[in-house]
Protein backbone atom coordinates (compact mmCIF):
# COMPACT_ATOMS: atom_id res chain seq x y z
CA MET A 1 0.00 0.00 0.00
CA ALA A 2 1.40 3.40 -0.95
CA LYS A 3 2.43 5.86 1.73
CA ASN A 4 -0.44 8.28 1.08
CA ASP A 5 -3.07 5.56 0.81
CA PHE A 6 -3.55 5.49 4.57
CA LYS A 7 -3.81 8.47 6.90
CA ILE A 8 -5.04 9.19 10.40
CA LEU A 9 -7.19 12.23 11.15
CA ASP A 10 -8.35 13.35 14.57
CA SER A 11 -11.76 11.82 14.09
CA GLU A 12 -11.54 9.42 11.10
CA VAL A 13 -9.39 7.02 9.11
CA THR A 14 -9.21 7.54 5.34
CA CYS A 15 -8.13 4.66 3.14
CA GLN A 16 -8.05 4.92 -0.70
CA GLY A 17 -10.81 7.54 -0.57
CA THR A 18 -12.95 5.46 1.87
CA THR A 19 -13.49 7.19 5.21
CA ILE A 20 -13.97 5.17 8.41
CA ARG A 21 -15.34 7.15 11.33
CA LYS A 22 -13.66 6.52 14.70
CA LYS A 23 -13.31 7.90 18.14
CA VAL A 24 -10.54 10.45 18.62
CA GLY A 25 -7.29 8.74 19.53
CA ARG A 26 -4.43 6.73 18.07
CA PRO A 27 -5.42 4.12 15.44
CA SER A 28 -5.42 0.57 16.61
CA GLN A 29 -3.79 -2.30 14.72
CA MET A 30 -7.28 -3.64 14.03
CA ARG A 31 -8.24 -0.48 12.16
CA LYS A 32 -5.08 -0.71 10.07
CA LEU A 33 -5.88 -4.30 9.18
CA PHE A 34 -9.46 -3.38 8.35
CA CYS A 35 -8.31 -0.59 6.03
CA THR A 36 -5.86 -2.92 4.31
CA ALA A 37 -8.70 -5.40 3.77
CA LEU A 38 -10.83 -2.69 2.14
CA VAL A 39 -8.02 -1.83 -0.26
CA LEU A 40 -7.52 -5.48 -1.20
CA MET A 41 -11.26 -5.96 -1.78
CA ALA A 42 -11.44 -2.87 -4.00
CA TRP A 43 -8.36 -3.93 -5.97
CA THR A 44 -9.74 -7.45 -6.47
CA SER A 45 -13.08 -6.09 -7.70
CA LEU A 46 -11.39 -3.81 -10.23
CA SER A 47 -8.89 -6.41 -11.43
CA LEU A 48 -11.61 -9.01 -12.00
CA GLY A 49 -13.91 -6.53 -13.73
CA LEU A 50 -16.72 -7.13 -11.25
CA PRO A 51 -19.75 -4.79 -11.61
CA SER A 52 -20.43 -2.07 -9.08
CA SER A 53 -23.46 -2.45 -6.83
CA SER A 54 -25.45 -0.01 -8.98
CA GLN A 55 -24.53 -1.89 -12.16
CA ALA A 56 -25.38 -5.24 -10.60
CA GLN A 57 -28.87 -4.01 -9.73
CA LEU A 58 -29.81 -3.07 -13.31
CA LYS A 59 -32.33 -5.46 -14.83
CA LYS A 60 -31.48 -6.55 -18.36
CA ILE A 61 -34.40 -5.91 -20.70
CA ILE A 62 -34.83 -6.68 -24.41
CA VAL A 63 -37.19 -4.70 -26.61
CA GLN A 64 -37.68 -5.53 -30.29
CA SER A 65 -38.88 -3.10 -32.94
CA ALA A 66 -41.42 -4.01 -35.60
CA TRP A 67 -38.96 -3.55 -38.44
CA VAL A 68 -35.62 -1.87 -39.15
CA ILE A 69 -34.69 0.97 -36.80
CA SER A 70 -36.19 4.32 -37.83
CA GLY A 71 -37.64 7.50 -36.40
CA VAL A 72 -40.54 5.54 -34.94
CA ASN A 73 -38.10 4.05 -32.43
CA SER A 74 -36.81 7.42 -31.22
CA GLY A 75 -38.38 7.01 -27.79
CA PHE A 76 -36.36 3.88 -27.03
CA PHE A 77 -33.03 5.39 -28.00
CA VAL A 78 -33.70 8.74 -26.33
CA ALA A 79 -34.75 7.00 -23.10
CA GLN A 80 -31.53 5.02 -23.24
CA ALA A 81 -29.26 7.98 -24.06
CA LYS A 82 -30.81 10.39 -21.55
CA GLY A 83 -30.64 7.85 -18.72
CA PHE A 84 -34.41 7.40 -18.32
CA TYR A 85 -34.07 3.60 -18.34
CA ALA A 86 -31.06 3.59 -16.05
CA ALA A 87 -32.94 5.82 -13.59
CA LYS A 88 -35.54 3.05 -13.38
CA GLY A 89 -32.89 0.40 -12.87
CA LEU A 90 -33.13 -0.98 -16.40
CA ASP A 91 -30.36 -2.00 -18.80
CA VAL A 92 -32.18 -2.07 -22.15
CA THR A 93 -31.07 -3.73 -25.38
CA ILE A 94 -32.90 -2.56 -28.52
CA ASN A 95 -33.16 -5.13 -31.31
CA ARG A 96 -34.46 -4.57 -34.84
CA GLY A 97 -37.48 -6.60 -35.95
CA PHE A 98 -38.54 -8.52 -39.04
CA GLY A 99 -42.21 -7.61 -39.24
CA SER A 100 -44.83 -7.05 -36.55
CA GLY A 101 -46.13 -10.59 -36.90
CA ASP A 102 -42.68 -11.91 -36.09
CA THR A 103 -42.14 -9.46 -33.21
CA ALA A 104 -45.49 -10.53 -31.73
CA LYS A 105 -44.28 -14.14 -31.76
CA VAL A 106 -40.96 -13.15 -30.17
CA VAL A 107 -42.73 -11.34 -27.32
CA ALA A 108 -45.31 -14.12 -26.91
CA SER A 109 -42.51 -16.69 -26.64
CA GLY A 110 -40.72 -14.66 -23.98
CA LYS A 111 -37.60 -14.07 -26.10
CA ALA A 112 -38.10 -10.31 -25.72
CA HIS A 113 -39.67 -8.51 -22.76
CA PHE A 114 -41.32 -5.83 -24.90
CA GLY A 115 -42.04 -5.20 -28.54
CA GLU A 116 -43.13 -2.46 -30.89
CA ILE A 117 -46.00 -4.16 -32.72
CA ASN A 118 -48.62 -2.99 -35.20
CA ILE A 119 -51.75 -2.81 -33.01
CA PRO A 120 -54.16 -4.53 -35.44
CA THR A 121 -51.60 -7.32 -35.75
CA ALA A 122 -51.38 -7.54 -31.96
CA ILE A 123 -55.19 -7.82 -31.71
CA ILE A 124 -55.31 -10.57 -34.33
CA THR A 125 -52.38 -12.41 -32.76
CA ARG A 126 -54.01 -12.22 -29.33
CA GLY A 127 -57.28 -13.43 -30.90
CA LYS A 128 -55.39 -16.52 -32.01
CA GLY A 129 -54.26 -17.19 -28.46
CA ALA A 130 -50.93 -15.36 -28.09
CA PRO A 131 -50.56 -13.99 -24.50
CA ILE A 132 -49.68 -10.38 -25.34
CA VAL A 133 -51.01 -7.10 -23.93
CA ILE A 134 -50.75 -3.64 -25.52
CA LEU A 135 -49.38 -1.00 -23.13
CA GLY A 136 -49.52 2.19 -25.21
CA VAL A 137 -49.80 3.57 -28.72
CA ILE A 138 -46.74 4.88 -30.55
CA VAL A 139 -48.21 5.56 -34.00
CA GLY A 140 -51.58 7.13 -33.27
CA LYS A 141 -52.77 7.34 -36.88
CA ALA A 142 -53.38 4.54 -39.37
CA PRO A 143 -50.03 4.23 -41.17
CA GLU A 144 -51.14 2.17 -44.16
CA SER A 145 -51.90 3.35 -47.67
CA ILE A 146 -52.15 2.13 -51.24
CA LEU A 147 -49.17 3.77 -52.90
CA SER A 148 -48.87 4.06 -56.66
CA PHE A 149 -47.54 6.28 -59.41
CA ALA A 150 -50.06 8.68 -60.93
CA GLU A 151 -49.88 6.97 -64.35
CA LYS A 152 -51.19 3.69 -62.88
CA GLY A 153 -54.66 5.21 -62.60
CA ILE A 154 -55.36 4.01 -59.05
CA ARG A 155 -57.64 6.63 -57.56
CA LYS A 156 -59.80 4.54 -55.23
CA PRO A 157 -59.16 1.27 -53.36
CA LYS A 158 -61.17 -0.96 -55.71
CA ASP A 159 -58.94 0.16 -58.61
CA VAL A 160 -56.28 -2.30 -57.40
CA GLU A 161 -58.33 -5.24 -58.68
CA GLY A 162 -56.60 -6.71 -61.70
CA LYS A 163 -53.29 -5.23 -60.60
CA SER A 164 -50.25 -6.49 -58.69
CA PHE A 165 -48.41 -5.37 -55.58
CA ALA A 166 -45.13 -6.26 -53.88
CA GLU A 167 -44.70 -6.90 -50.16
CA ALA A 168 -42.70 -9.07 -47.76
CA SER A 169 -44.73 -12.08 -46.65
CA GLY A 170 -43.98 -11.46 -42.97
CA ALA A 171 -44.88 -7.76 -43.00
CA ALA A 172 -47.60 -6.50 -40.67
CA ILE A 173 -49.72 -5.32 -43.57
CA MET A 174 -50.07 -8.88 -44.87
CA VAL A 175 -51.99 -9.68 -41.70
CA THR A 176 -54.33 -6.68 -41.94
CA TRP A 177 -54.64 -6.45 -45.74
CA PRO A 178 -57.49 -9.01 -46.02
CA ALA A 179 -59.44 -7.13 -43.33
CA PHE A 180 -59.04 -3.78 -45.10
CA ALA A 181 -59.96 -5.32 -48.45
CA ASN A 182 -63.11 -6.78 -46.92
CA LEU A 183 -63.98 -3.41 -45.35
CA VAL A 184 -63.77 -1.44 -48.62
CA GLY A 185 -65.06 -4.15 -50.96
CA ILE A 186 -61.85 -5.27 -52.67
CA ASP A 187 -61.87 -8.84 -54.00
CA ILE A 188 -58.37 -9.95 -52.99
CA LYS A 189 -58.61 -12.90 -55.36
CA LYS A 190 -58.38 -10.35 -58.16
CA VAL A 191 -55.23 -8.78 -56.74
CA THR A 192 -51.84 -10.42 -57.32
CA HIS A 193 -49.35 -10.48 -54.45
CA ILE A 194 -45.68 -10.67 -55.49
CA PRO A 195 -43.61 -11.74 -52.45
CA VAL A 196 -40.32 -9.86 -52.12
CA GLU A 197 -37.74 -9.25 -49.47
CA ALA A 198 -38.26 -5.95 -47.65
CA ALA A 199 -35.11 -4.45 -49.18
CA ALA A 200 -36.29 -5.31 -52.70
CA LYS A 201 -39.73 -3.73 -52.38
CA PRO A 202 -38.78 -0.19 -53.56
CA ALA A 203 -36.91 -1.58 -56.57
CA ALA A 204 -39.92 -3.67 -57.59
CA PHE A 205 -42.05 -0.53 -57.37
CA PHE A 206 -39.78 1.89 -59.25
CA SER A 207 -38.91 -0.66 -61.94
CA GLY A 208 -42.57 -1.10 -62.84
CA ARG A 209 -42.55 -4.78 -61.91
CA VAL A 210 -45.72 -4.16 -59.88
CA ASP A 211 -48.52 -1.62 -60.08
CA TRP A 212 -48.56 -0.55 -56.46
CA VAL A 213 -47.11 -1.23 -53.05
CA PRO A 214 -48.57 -0.92 -49.57
CA GLY A 215 -47.39 2.38 -48.11
CA PHE A 216 -46.54 2.60 -44.46
CA ARG A 217 -45.91 5.81 -42.56
CA PRO A 218 -43.56 6.07 -40.77
CA GLY A 219 -41.37 3.35 -42.22
CA PHE A 220 -41.63 2.65 -45.91
CA ASP A 221 -42.88 5.96 -47.32
CA GLU A 222 -39.84 8.08 -46.49
CA PRO A 223 -37.24 6.67 -48.92
CA VAL A 224 -39.89 6.29 -51.63
CA ILE A 225 -40.83 9.96 -51.35
CA LEU A 226 -37.20 11.03 -51.53
CA GLN A 227 -36.50 8.78 -54.54
CA ALA A 228 -39.65 9.95 -56.35
CA ARG A 229 -38.50 13.54 -55.95
CA LYS A 230 -35.15 12.71 -57.53
CA VAL A 231 -36.65 10.96 -60.58
CA GLY A 232 -39.55 13.36 -60.98
CA LYS A 233 -42.33 10.82 -60.40
CA LYS A 234 -45.70 11.81 -58.94
CA LEU A 235 -46.97 9.62 -56.12
CA VAL A 236 -50.57 8.89 -55.18
CA PHE A 237 -51.35 7.90 -51.59
CA LEU A 238 -54.73 6.38 -50.72
CA ARG A 239 -54.57 6.58 -46.93
CA TRP A 240 -56.50 3.73 -45.33
CA GLU A 241 -57.74 5.98 -42.54
CA ASP A 242 -59.63 8.04 -45.14
CA TYR A 243 -61.65 4.94 -46.06
CA GLY A 244 -62.94 4.00 -42.63
CA TRP A 245 -59.84 2.27 -41.29
CA LYS A 246 -59.94 4.00 -37.91
CA VAL A 247 -57.10 2.09 -36.34
CA TYR A 248 -53.75 2.81 -34.79
CA GLY A 249 -50.33 2.02 -36.15
CA SER A 250 -47.77 0.46 -33.85
CA GLY A 251 -47.87 0.24 -30.09
CA LEU A 252 -45.84 -1.08 -27.18
CA ALA A 253 -46.66 -4.62 -26.05
CA THR A 254 -45.52 -7.20 -23.52
CA HIS A 255 -46.25 -10.75 -22.39
CA ARG A 256 -49.34 -11.14 -20.19
CA ASP A 257 -47.39 -13.19 -17.64
CA LEU A 258 -44.70 -10.51 -17.26
CA LEU A 259 -47.42 -7.95 -16.59
CA LYS A 260 -48.88 -10.14 -13.86
CA ARG A 261 -45.54 -11.21 -12.40
CA ASP A 262 -43.76 -7.86 -12.32
CA PRO A 263 -46.10 -4.89 -12.89
CA LYS A 264 -43.50 -2.50 -11.46
CA LEU A 265 -40.95 -3.47 -14.09
CA VAL A 266 -43.59 -2.96 -16.79
CA ALA A 267 -44.59 0.39 -15.30
CA ASP A 268 -40.96 1.53 -15.15
CA PHE A 269 -40.28 0.54 -18.75
CA VAL A 270 -43.46 2.15 -20.09
CA THR A 271 -42.86 5.38 -18.16
CA ALA A 272 -39.24 5.68 -19.26
CA THR A 273 -40.09 4.83 -22.88
CA PHE A 274 -42.83 7.42 -23.25
CA ASP A 275 -40.70 9.95 -21.40
CA GLY A 276 -38.24 9.30 -24.22
CA TYR A 277 -40.91 9.96 -26.85
CA THR A 278 -42.04 13.10 -25.05
CA TYR A 279 -38.46 14.35 -24.95
CA ALA A 280 -38.19 13.68 -28.69
CA LEU A 281 -41.30 15.80 -29.28
CA GLU A 282 -39.71 18.67 -27.42
CA HIS A 283 -36.19 18.19 -28.79
CA PRO A 284 -36.49 16.61 -32.28
CA ASP A 285 -33.04 17.73 -33.42
CA GLU A 286 -31.38 16.13 -30.41
CA ALA A 287 -33.48 13.00 -30.87
CA GLN A 288 -32.26 12.72 -34.44
CA LYS A 289 -28.64 13.12 -33.34
CA ILE A 290 -29.11 10.35 -30.76
CA LEU A 291 -30.59 8.01 -33.37
CA LEU A 292 -27.74 8.73 -35.78
CA LYS A 293 -25.11 8.25 -33.10
CA GLU A 294 -26.47 4.82 -32.18
CA ASN A 295 -27.34 3.90 -35.78
CA PRO A 296 -24.79 5.69 -38.00
CA GLU A 297 -25.82 3.61 -41.01
CA LEU A 298 -29.21 5.37 -41.22
CA PRO A 299 -29.52 7.86 -44.14
CA ARG A 300 -29.88 11.34 -42.64
CA GLU A 301 -32.61 12.60 -45.01
CA THR A 302 -34.67 9.44 -44.65
CA LEU A 303 -34.33 9.48 -40.88
CA HIS A 304 -35.36 13.13 -40.70
CA LEU A 305 -38.54 12.47 -42.66
CA SER A 306 -39.20 9.34 -40.62
CA LEU A 307 -38.85 11.24 -37.37
CA LEU A 308 -41.26 13.94 -38.59
CA PHE A 309 -43.87 11.31 -39.53
CA SER A 310 -43.38 9.52 -36.21
CA LEU A 311 -43.69 12.56 -34.00
CA ASP A 312 -46.72 13.78 -35.97
CA SER A 313 -48.48 10.44 -35.45
CA LEU A 314 -47.54 10.45 -31.77
CA LEU A 315 -49.18 13.81 -31.09
CA THR A 316 -52.85 12.75 -30.96
CA LYS A 317 -55.70 14.50 -29.19
CA GLU A 318 -55.52 11.87 -26.45
CA ALA A 319 -51.78 12.44 -26.01
CA LYS A 320 -52.53 16.03 -25.08
CA SER A 321 -55.44 15.26 -22.77
CA HIS A 322 -54.31 11.98 -21.16
CA GLY A 323 -50.60 11.59 -21.85
CA VAL A 324 -48.34 10.43 -24.65
CA GLY A 325 -49.14 6.80 -25.45
CA TYR A 326 -52.76 6.88 -24.29
CA MET A 327 -55.14 4.69 -26.31
CA ASN A 328 -58.64 5.98 -27.03
CA PRO A 329 -61.07 3.30 -25.69
CA ASP A 330 -63.59 3.92 -28.47
CA ARG A 331 -60.97 3.57 -31.18
CA MET A 332 -59.55 0.46 -29.55
CA ALA A 333 -63.04 -1.03 -29.30
CA PHE A 334 -63.57 -0.28 -33.01
CA GLN A 335 -60.34 -2.06 -33.92
CA ILE A 336 -61.05 -5.09 -31.76
CA ASP A 337 -64.60 -5.40 -33.13
CA LEU A 338 -63.46 -4.85 -36.73
CA MET A 339 -60.65 -7.39 -36.62
CA SER A 340 -62.66 -10.06 -34.83
CA LYS A 341 -65.61 -9.76 -37.22
CA LEU A 342 -63.61 -9.59 -40.43
CA LEU A 343 -61.26 -12.43 -39.52
CA LYS A 344 -63.86 -14.37 -37.51
CA PHE A 345 -62.33 -14.86 -34.07
CA THR A 346 -63.65 -14.25 -30.57
CA PRO A 347 -62.90 -10.68 -29.44
CA PRO A 348 -60.03 -10.95 -26.93
CA LYS A 349 -60.51 -9.50 -23.47
CA ASP A 350 -57.97 -7.40 -21.60
CA ILE A 351 -56.00 -6.91 -24.81
CA TYR A 352 -54.78 -3.45 -23.75
CA THR A 353 -54.32 -1.23 -20.72
CA ASN A 354 -53.75 2.50 -20.18
CA ARG A 355 -52.84 2.05 -16.50
CA PHE A 356 -49.17 2.92 -17.01
CA ILE A 357 -49.67 6.02 -19.16
CA GLN A 358 -49.01 9.26 -17.30
CA LYS A 359 -50.13 12.74 -18.24
CA LYS A 360 -47.13 15.06 -18.22
CA PRO A 361 -46.84 18.58 -19.63
CA PHE A 362 -44.88 19.01 -22.85
CA THR A 363 -44.46 21.57 -25.58
CA VAL A 364 -43.89 21.31 -29.33
CA SER A 365 -41.54 23.78 -31.00
CA PRO A 366 -42.95 26.08 -33.74
CA THR A 367 -40.23 24.81 -36.09
CA LEU A 368 -41.51 21.26 -35.78
CA LYS A 369 -45.05 22.42 -36.51
CA GLU A 370 -43.84 24.21 -39.62
CA GLU A 371 -42.13 21.09 -40.88
CA TRP A 372 -45.26 19.01 -40.25
CA ALA A 373 -47.25 21.39 -42.44
CA LYS A 374 -44.96 20.59 -45.39
CA LEU A 375 -45.25 16.79 -45.18
CA PRO A 376 -46.67 15.04 -48.29
């Protein structure tokens, strides 16, 4: 032990920065031995790379997104970067997904604690027996659309009959597409589905291999819009919400057993996550920087547009009145009834809960509002 590692004060013994209170007087041999033991314990801990007590107490959590990382996942990364998860004692790993249907299976199997899942997909999956519960809405507006080039002549949903579209077989929209088609009177037998990998979908669209593709906002639309601008192509979006599809986009879900077993952990994760989304609403530029720092491979222009779409869909009327993430009971009831009737399954009970959503004040910058006004 170095000479300055141990010193005696009138009322305490200090050893390697650790102070041991004592009665005034000369140090006993026992105190010297005790100090030496502390030093050896600290050295052993450091040399072996053992975690500190605060690190050891962090609970390891896995959350999986619905698809590749984008602006819609800003809340997770902001909560991680700003220490919101750590403040709740959580060590969170954020994994990319491979479609909402797949993420629902991952959460239902217990391989991930939480998942970002398309809410209609979650309802259908739960209707088939999967033990998942929706904890909050992230995309508060129906994200789907029928996306085509103006020259294809698709001006209403039924115009897709006799035409072809490209989509990944495991995508969330392949679960909800039959329900939407039934709702608006499309005969899906007259529509040709061309299965493609997610990465190949834009190429199939721009090459003219298919007549249309399912749009999805935020997610798929951003790079398509940017590419269409470069090549001078006019896009036509038929937003599903405009045709009676009053549903949400993605939400946050967990396993029913985890909710029952550890409601505090669920509450902590939900609170920290939506605090992250709220922070992103107030500080969109910083949120984008955080996303880029953690995911440097993301194209800046695409991410910026994705973040704008995401934050716009997050700011619902209910978010202002009840808190970011709050699910409107009437809209949820509509979705549950619609999905169960169209796909013929018993409406699931206790499919969602708003119990962990907290109303907190937040503000949106005028600059963000201006950018929203320019969105296509």
